[in-house]
C-alpha atoms as a PDB file:
ATOM      1  CA  MET A   1       0.000   0.000   0.000  1.00  0.00           C
ATOM      2  CA  ASN A   2       1.293   3.453  -0.907  1.00  0.00           C
ATOM      3  CA  SER A   3       1.554   5.794   2.073  1.00  0.00           C
ATOM      4  CA  PHE A   4       2.344   8.863  -0.034  1.00  0.00           C
ATOM      5  CA  PRO A   5      -1.059  10.515   0.601  1.00  0.00           C
ATOM      6  CA  SER A   6      -0.687  10.183   4.364  1.00  0.00           C
ATOM      7  CA  THR A   7       2.885  11.498   4.236  1.00  0.00           C
ATOM      8  CA  LEU A   8       1.774  14.434   2.097  1.00  0.00           C
ATOM      9  CA  ALA A   9      -1.029  15.186   4.539  1.00  0.00           C
ATOM     10  CA  ALA A  10       1.438  15.156   7.439  1.00  0.00           C
ATOM     11  CA  ILE A  11       3.797  17.493   5.602  1.00  0.00           C
ATOM     12  CA  LEU A  12       1.001  19.919   4.778  1.00  0.00           C
ATOM     13  CA  GLY A  13      -0.210  19.815   8.378  1.00  0.00           C
ATOM     14  CA  VAL A  14       3.226  20.688   9.736  1.00  0.00           C
ATOM     15  CA  LEU A  15       3.606  23.506   7.215  1.00  0.00           C
ATOM     16  CA  ALA A  16       0.190  24.905   8.102  1.00  0.00           C
ATOM     17  CA  ILE A  17       1.010  24.946  11.805  1.00  0.00           C
ATOM     18  CA  ALA A  18       4.420  26.495  11.162  1.00  0.00           C
ATOM     19  CA  ALA A  19       2.889  29.224   9.008  1.00  0.00           C
ATOM     20  CA  CYS A  20       0.549  30.249  11.827  1.00  0.00           C
ATOM     21  CA  THR A  21       3.264  30.882  14.390  1.00  0.00           C
ATOM     22  CA  THR A  22       5.495  33.915  14.792  1.00  0.00           C
ATOM     23  CA  PRO A  23       9.148  32.983  15.104  1.00  0.00           C
ATOM     24  CA  ILE A  24      10.461  33.887  18.537  1.00  0.00           C
ATOM     25  CA  ARG A  25      13.413  35.660  16.962  1.00  0.00           C
ATOM     26  CA  ASN A  26      11.108  38.113  15.152  1.00  0.00           C
ATOM     27  CA  GLN A  27       9.373  39.270  18.315  1.00  0.00           C
ATOM     28  CA  THR A  28      10.111  42.608  19.917  1.00  0.00           C
ATOM     29  CA  TYR A  29      12.446  42.471  22.889  1.00  0.00           C
ATOM     30  CA  THR A  30      12.610  45.124  25.594  1.00  0.00           C
ATOM     31  CA  ALA A  31      15.756  45.909  27.539  1.00  0.00           C
ATOM     32  CA  THR A  32      15.706  45.516  31.297  1.00  0.00           C
ATOM     33  CA  SER A  33      18.073  47.258  33.676  1.00  0.00           C
ATOM     34  CA  ALA A  34      20.432  44.277  33.307  1.00  0.00           C
ATOM     35  CA  ALA A  35      20.966  44.852  29.564  1.00  0.00           C
ATOM     36  CA  GLN A  36      24.490  46.055  28.869  1.00  0.00           C
ATOM     37  CA  ILE A  37      24.561  45.834  25.058  1.00  0.00           C
ATOM     38  CA  PRO A  38      22.208  47.047  22.298  1.00  0.00           C
ATOM     39  CA  GLU A  39      19.345  44.756  21.293  1.00  0.00           C
ATOM     40  CA  SER A  40      20.738  44.294  17.777  1.00  0.00           C
ATOM     41  CA  GLN A  41      24.045  43.044  19.174  1.00  0.00           C
ATOM     42  CA  ALA A  42      22.288  40.717  21.609  1.00  0.00           C
ATOM     43  CA  ARG A  43      20.169  39.306  18.751  1.00  0.00           C
ATOM     44  CA  ALA A  44      23.243  38.691  16.608  1.00  0.00           C
ATOM     45  CA  GLU A  45      25.142  37.012  19.433  1.00  0.00           C
ATOM     46  CA  CYS A  46      22.160  34.856  20.385  1.00  0.00           C
ATOM     47  CA  GLN A  47      21.463  33.869  16.793  1.00  0.00           C
ATOM     48  CA  PHE A  48      25.078  32.767  16.365  1.00  0.00           C
ATOM     49  CA  ALA A  49      25.026  30.803  19.635  1.00  0.00           C
ATOM     50  CA  VAL A  50      21.708  29.121  18.764  1.00  0.00           C
ATOM     51  CA  GLU A  51      22.866  28.079  15.297  1.00  0.00           C
ATOM     52  CA  ALA A  52      26.086  26.651  16.713  1.00  0.00           C
ATOM     53  CA  ALA A  53      24.251  24.767  19.460  1.00  0.00           C
ATOM     54  CA  THR A  54      21.672  23.176  17.153  1.00  0.00           C
ATOM     55  CA  ALA A  55      23.717  22.566  14.013  1.00  0.00           C
ATOM     56  CA  SER A  56      24.005  18.841  14.644  1.00  0.00           C
ATOM     57  CA  ILE A  57      20.325  18.101  15.320  1.00  0.00           C
ATOM     58  CA  GLY A  58      19.298  15.366  12.900  1.00  0.00           C
ATOM     59  CA  THR A  59      22.764  14.858  11.443  1.00  0.00           C
ATOM     60  CA  ASN A  60      23.704  11.812  13.519  1.00  0.00           C
ATOM     61  CA  ARG A  61      20.573   9.876  12.686  1.00  0.00           C
ATOM     62  CA  VAL A  62      21.300   6.607  10.915  1.00  0.00           C
ATOM     63  CA  PRO A  63      18.817   5.878   8.128  1.00  0.00           C
ATOM     64  CA  ARG A  64      16.733   2.899   9.130  1.00  0.00           C
ATOM     65  CA  GLY A  65      16.474   1.619   5.587  1.00  0.00           C
ATOM     66  CA  THR A  66      12.705   1.898   5.676  1.00  0.00           C
ATOM     67  CA  SER A  67      10.615   3.584   3.034  1.00  0.00           C
ATOM     68  CA  PHE A  68      11.365   6.886   1.360  1.00  0.00           C
ATOM     69  CA  ASP A  69       8.202   8.275   2.952  1.00  0.00           C
ATOM     70  CA  GLN A  70       9.521   7.400   6.407  1.00  0.00           C
ATOM     71  CA  GLU A  71      12.830   9.106   5.665  1.00  0.00           C
ATOM     72  CA  ILE A  72      10.954  12.264   4.599  1.00  0.00           C
ATOM     73  CA  ALA A  73       8.833  12.149   7.752  1.00  0.00           C
ATOM     74  CA  ASP A  74      11.959  11.723   9.903  1.00  0.00           C
ATOM     75  CA  ALA A  75      13.635  14.695   8.206  1.00  0.00           C
ATOM     76  CA  ILE A  76      10.573  16.860   8.838  1.00  0.00           C
ATOM     77  CA  ALA A  77      10.471  15.768  12.478  1.00  0.00           C
ATOM     78  CA  ASP A  78      14.159  16.678  12.827  1.00  0.00           C
ATOM     79  CA  GLY A  79      13.440  20.135  11.391  1.00  0.00           C
ATOM     80  CA  VAL A  80      10.520  20.716  13.734  1.00  0.00           C
ATOM     81  CA  MET A  81      12.590  19.569  16.720  1.00  0.00           C
ATOM     82  CA  ARG A  82      15.480  21.829  15.683  1.00  0.00           C
ATOM     83  CA  GLY A  83      13.182  24.852  15.307  1.00  0.00           C
ATOM     84  CA  ASP A  84      11.619  24.267  18.705  1.00  0.00           C
ATOM     85  CA  GLU A  85      15.026  23.910  20.338  1.00  0.00           C
ATOM     86  CA  GLN A  86      16.284  27.060  18.591  1.00  0.00           C
ATOM     87  CA  ASN A  87      13.329  29.094  19.863  1.00  0.00           C
ATOM     88  CA  THR A  88      13.861  27.906  23.427  1.00  0.00           C
ATOM     89  CA  LEU A  89      17.591  28.647  23.328  1.00  0.00           C
ATOM     90  CA  PHE A  90      17.081  32.063  21.723  1.00  0.00           C
ATOM     91  CA  VAL A  91      14.653  33.197  24.422  1.00  0.00           C
ATOM     92  CA  SER A  92      17.006  31.958  27.144  1.00  0.00           C
ATOM     93  CA  CYS A  93      19.966  33.713  25.536  1.00  0.00           C
ATOM     94  CA  MET A  94      18.102  37.025  25.200  1.00  0.00           C
ATOM     95  CA  ARG A  95      16.971  36.804  28.839  1.00  0.00           C
ATOM     96  CA  SER A  96      20.563  36.161  29.934  1.00  0.00           C
ATOM     97  CA  LYS A  97      21.567  39.352  28.127  1.00  0.00           C
ATOM     98  CA  GLY A  98      18.887  41.396  29.894  1.00  0.00           C
ATOM     99  CA  PHE A  99      16.044  41.415  27.343  1.00  0.00           C
ATOM    100  CA  VAL A 100      12.468  40.210  27.681  1.00  0.00           C
ATOM    101  CA  GLY A 101      10.216  39.236  24.812  1.00  0.00           C
ATOM    102  CA  GLY A 102       6.857  40.769  24.275  1.00  0.00           C
END
């Protein structure tokens, strides 16, 4: 049985959910009294740190040798997991630099 329709439906569902959310990095951040650098510098530093910390997500996965559809689904899951981890790390980094998201 061909599972392409179910895989396509899953892909479209993930894309629809992703399109409805605002990336954490695009939100406005307000400086607190603890902020010692400009927001633009904090964003750049946090973005660099987040990319470095999450660069390997999904790269160490050994293909299971299952179907092509399963490999596509696994790659999508890795991307969703990486995006979620990046958002969490970015917020934590900005807070550590004295900025709060709004």
